[in-house]
Amino acid sequence: MTRKKAPAGRAPARAGRAPAPRAADPCGHAAAELWAYLDAELPAARSAAMARHLASCAPCRRAARRLRALMEACRAQGRRPLPRAVRRRAVARAKSALRRPRS
């Protein structure tokens, strides 16, 4: 099995973890912690720092809104287990959304 090469300037995604921040991406740290922030899983100091970042960064606010809507839609569906293929597609789409270029 051959491994796909990552696009120039982007580190390959690591299985089970958020994409590695790129040197030219000042919001890489925010993308990596956004899920935990929205789930209220960050320590108080990191949560406060994320709130400040979101207040000053429109692209990250948009990403947070999209992710919050996705999380609420998932919660509204209840606790039924998803088929494995659906889970894989959902994770891939969420990771792709977090990697979209900031505008």
C-alpha atoms as a PDB file:
ATOM      1  CA  MET A   1       0.000   0.000   0.000  1.00  0.00           C
ATOM      2  CA  THR A   2       1.435   3.394  -0.974  1.00  0.00           C
ATOM      3  CA  ARG A   3       0.993   6.445   1.152  1.00  0.00           C
ATOM      4  CA  LYS A   4      -0.299   9.674  -0.404  1.00  0.00           C
ATOM      5  CA  LYS A   5       2.121  12.535  -0.293  1.00  0.00           C
ATOM      6  CA  ALA A   6       1.030  15.631   1.628  1.00  0.00           C
ATOM      7  CA  PRO A   7       0.601  18.849  -0.403  1.00  0.00           C
ATOM      8  CA  ALA A   8       3.611  21.149  -0.391  1.00  0.00           C
ATOM      9  CA  GLY A   9       3.922  23.052   2.863  1.00  0.00           C
ATOM     10  CA  ARG A  10       1.560  20.793   4.768  1.00  0.00           C
ATOM     11  CA  ALA A  11       2.530  18.033   7.139  1.00  0.00           C
ATOM     12  CA  PRO A  12       0.743  14.701   6.652  1.00  0.00           C
ATOM     13  CA  ALA A  13      -2.241  14.142   8.954  1.00  0.00           C
ATOM     14  CA  ARG A  14      -1.528  11.955  11.955  1.00  0.00           C
ATOM     15  CA  ALA A  15      -4.053   9.226  12.627  1.00  0.00           C
ATOM     16  CA  GLY A  16      -6.337  10.030  15.551  1.00  0.00           C
ATOM     17  CA  ARG A  17      -4.965  13.519  16.168  1.00  0.00           C
ATOM     18  CA  ALA A  18      -5.537  17.015  14.851  1.00  0.00           C
ATOM     19  CA  PRO A  19      -3.371  18.075  11.921  1.00  0.00           C
ATOM     20  CA  ALA A  20       0.023  19.455  12.867  1.00  0.00           C
ATOM     21  CA  PRO A  21       0.093  23.272  12.755  1.00  0.00           C
ATOM     22  CA  ARG A  22       1.998  24.734   9.827  1.00  0.00           C
ATOM     23  CA  ALA A  23       4.720  27.300  10.463  1.00  0.00           C
ATOM     24  CA  ALA A  24       2.841  29.912   8.429  1.00  0.00           C
ATOM     25  CA  ASP A  25      -0.451  29.122  10.207  1.00  0.00           C
ATOM     26  CA  PRO A  26      -0.740  31.213  13.360  1.00  0.00           C
ATOM     27  CA  CYS A  27      -4.105  29.607  14.164  1.00  0.00           C
ATOM     28  CA  GLY A  28      -2.859  26.012  14.096  1.00  0.00           C
ATOM     29  CA  HIS A  29      -2.941  25.853  17.887  1.00  0.00           C
ATOM     30  CA  ALA A  30      -6.539  27.042  17.903  1.00  0.00           C
ATOM     31  CA  ALA A  31      -7.661  24.444  15.363  1.00  0.00           C
ATOM     32  CA  ALA A  32      -6.029  21.708  17.400  1.00  0.00           C
ATOM     33  CA  GLU A  33      -7.904  22.743  20.571  1.00  0.00           C
ATOM     34  CA  LEU A  34     -11.256  23.800  19.124  1.00  0.00           C
ATOM     35  CA  TRP A  35     -13.040  20.490  19.769  1.00  0.00           C
ATOM     36  CA  ALA A  36     -11.890  20.429  23.387  1.00  0.00           C
ATOM     37  CA  TYR A  37     -12.887  24.087  23.847  1.00  0.00           C
ATOM     38  CA  LEU A  38     -16.413  23.529  22.504  1.00  0.00           C
ATOM     39  CA  ASP A  39     -16.775  20.441  24.703  1.00  0.00           C
ATOM     40  CA  ALA A  40     -15.586  22.447  27.754  1.00  0.00           C
ATOM     41  CA  GLU A  41     -12.665  20.041  28.208  1.00  0.00           C
ATOM     42  CA  LEU A  42      -9.837  22.597  28.330  1.00  0.00           C
ATOM     43  CA  PRO A  43      -8.277  23.796  31.566  1.00  0.00           C
ATOM     44  CA  ALA A  44      -9.560  27.230  32.623  1.00  0.00           C
ATOM     45  CA  ALA A  45      -6.475  29.131  31.426  1.00  0.00           C
ATOM     46  CA  ARG A  46      -6.513  27.489  27.956  1.00  0.00           C
ATOM     47  CA  SER A  47     -10.277  28.001  27.687  1.00  0.00           C
ATOM     48  CA  ALA A  48      -9.883  31.715  28.465  1.00  0.00           C
ATOM     49  CA  ALA A  49      -7.075  31.986  25.906  1.00  0.00           C
ATOM     50  CA  MET A  50      -9.262  30.275  23.275  1.00  0.00           C
ATOM     51  CA  ALA A  51     -12.160  32.629  24.044  1.00  0.00           C
ATOM     52  CA  ARG A  52      -9.839  35.623  23.547  1.00  0.00           C
ATOM     53  CA  HIS A  53      -8.538  34.150  20.301  1.00  0.00           C
ATOM     54  CA  LEU A  54     -12.052  33.533  18.966  1.00  0.00           C
ATOM     55  CA  ALA A  55     -13.031  37.106  19.870  1.00  0.00           C
ATOM     56  CA  SER A  56     -10.218  38.440  17.694  1.00  0.00           C
ATOM     57  CA  CYS A  57     -10.101  35.904  14.820  1.00  0.00           C
ATOM     58  CA  ALA A  58     -13.025  35.825  12.377  1.00  0.00           C
ATOM     59  CA  PRO A  59     -11.899  32.667  10.505  1.00  0.00           C
ATOM     60  CA  CYS A  60     -11.635  30.717  13.753  1.00  0.00           C
ATOM     61  CA  ARG A  61     -15.032  32.060  14.890  1.00  0.00           C
ATOM     62  CA  ARG A  62     -16.544  30.767  11.635  1.00  0.00           C
ATOM     63  CA  ALA A  63     -14.862  27.387  12.153  1.00  0.00           C
ATOM     64  CA  ALA A  64     -16.170  27.285  15.730  1.00  0.00           C
ATOM     65  CA  ARG A  65     -19.714  28.070  14.547  1.00  0.00           C
ATOM     66  CA  ARG A  66     -19.556  25.289  11.926  1.00  0.00           C
ATOM     67  CA  LEU A  67     -18.152  22.813  14.412  1.00  0.00           C
ATOM     68  CA  ARG A  68     -20.675  23.781  17.120  1.00  0.00           C
ATOM     69  CA  ALA A  69     -23.526  23.272  14.610  1.00  0.00           C
ATOM     70  CA  LEU A  70     -22.116  19.865  13.679  1.00  0.00           C
ATOM     71  CA  MET A  71     -21.798  18.876  17.338  1.00  0.00           C
ATOM     72  CA  GLU A  72     -25.367  20.006  18.111  1.00  0.00           C
ATOM     73  CA  ALA A  73     -26.732  18.110  15.110  1.00  0.00           C
ATOM     74  CA  CYS A  74     -24.922  14.987  16.271  1.00  0.00           C
ATOM     75  CA  ARG A  75     -26.225  15.363  19.817  1.00  0.00           C
ATOM     76  CA  ALA A  76     -29.768  15.854  18.511  1.00  0.00           C
ATOM     77  CA  GLN A  77     -29.548  12.436  16.865  1.00  0.00           C
ATOM     78  CA  GLY A  78     -29.042  10.728  20.187  1.00  0.00           C
ATOM     79  CA  ARG A  79     -26.589   8.039  21.153  1.00  0.00           C
ATOM     80  CA  ARG A  80     -27.225   5.559  18.364  1.00  0.00           C
ATOM     81  CA  PRO A  81     -23.947   4.121  17.093  1.00  0.00           C
ATOM     82  CA  LEU A  82     -23.018   5.243  13.606  1.00  0.00           C
ATOM     83  CA  PRO A  83     -21.938   2.779  10.960  1.00  0.00           C
ATOM     84  CA  ARG A  84     -18.140   2.659  10.655  1.00  0.00           C
ATOM     85  CA  ALA A  85     -18.148   4.123   7.122  1.00  0.00           C
ATOM     86  CA  VAL A  86     -20.219   7.112   8.260  1.00  0.00           C
ATOM     87  CA  ARG A  87     -17.860   7.750  11.175  1.00  0.00           C
ATOM     88  CA  ARG A  88     -14.836   7.675   8.863  1.00  0.00           C
ATOM     89  CA  ARG A  89     -16.448  10.141   6.434  1.00  0.00           C
ATOM     90  CA  ALA A  90     -17.512  12.478   9.251  1.00  0.00           C
ATOM     91  CA  VAL A  91     -14.035  12.534  10.771  1.00  0.00           C
ATOM     92  CA  ALA A  92     -12.453  13.114   7.356  1.00  0.00           C
ATOM     93  CA  ARG A  93     -14.817  16.019   6.630  1.00  0.00           C
ATOM     94  CA  ALA A  94     -14.236  17.603  10.031  1.00  0.00           C
ATOM     95  CA  LYS A  95     -10.464  17.374   9.584  1.00  0.00           C
ATOM     96  CA  SER A  96     -10.779  18.833   6.095  1.00  0.00           C
ATOM     97  CA  ALA A  97     -12.853  21.734   7.417  1.00  0.00           C
ATOM     98  CA  LEU A  98     -10.194  22.507  10.016  1.00  0.00           C
ATOM     99  CA  ARG A  99      -7.463  22.463   7.356  1.00  0.00           C
ATOM    100  CA  ARG A 100      -9.244  24.854   4.968  1.00  0.00           C
ATOM    101  CA  PRO A 101      -7.211  27.962   4.184  1.00  0.00           C
ATOM    102  CA  ARG A 102      -8.059  30.920   6.354  1.00  0.00           C
ATOM    103  CA  SER A 103      -9.573  33.818   4.440  1.00  0.00           C
END
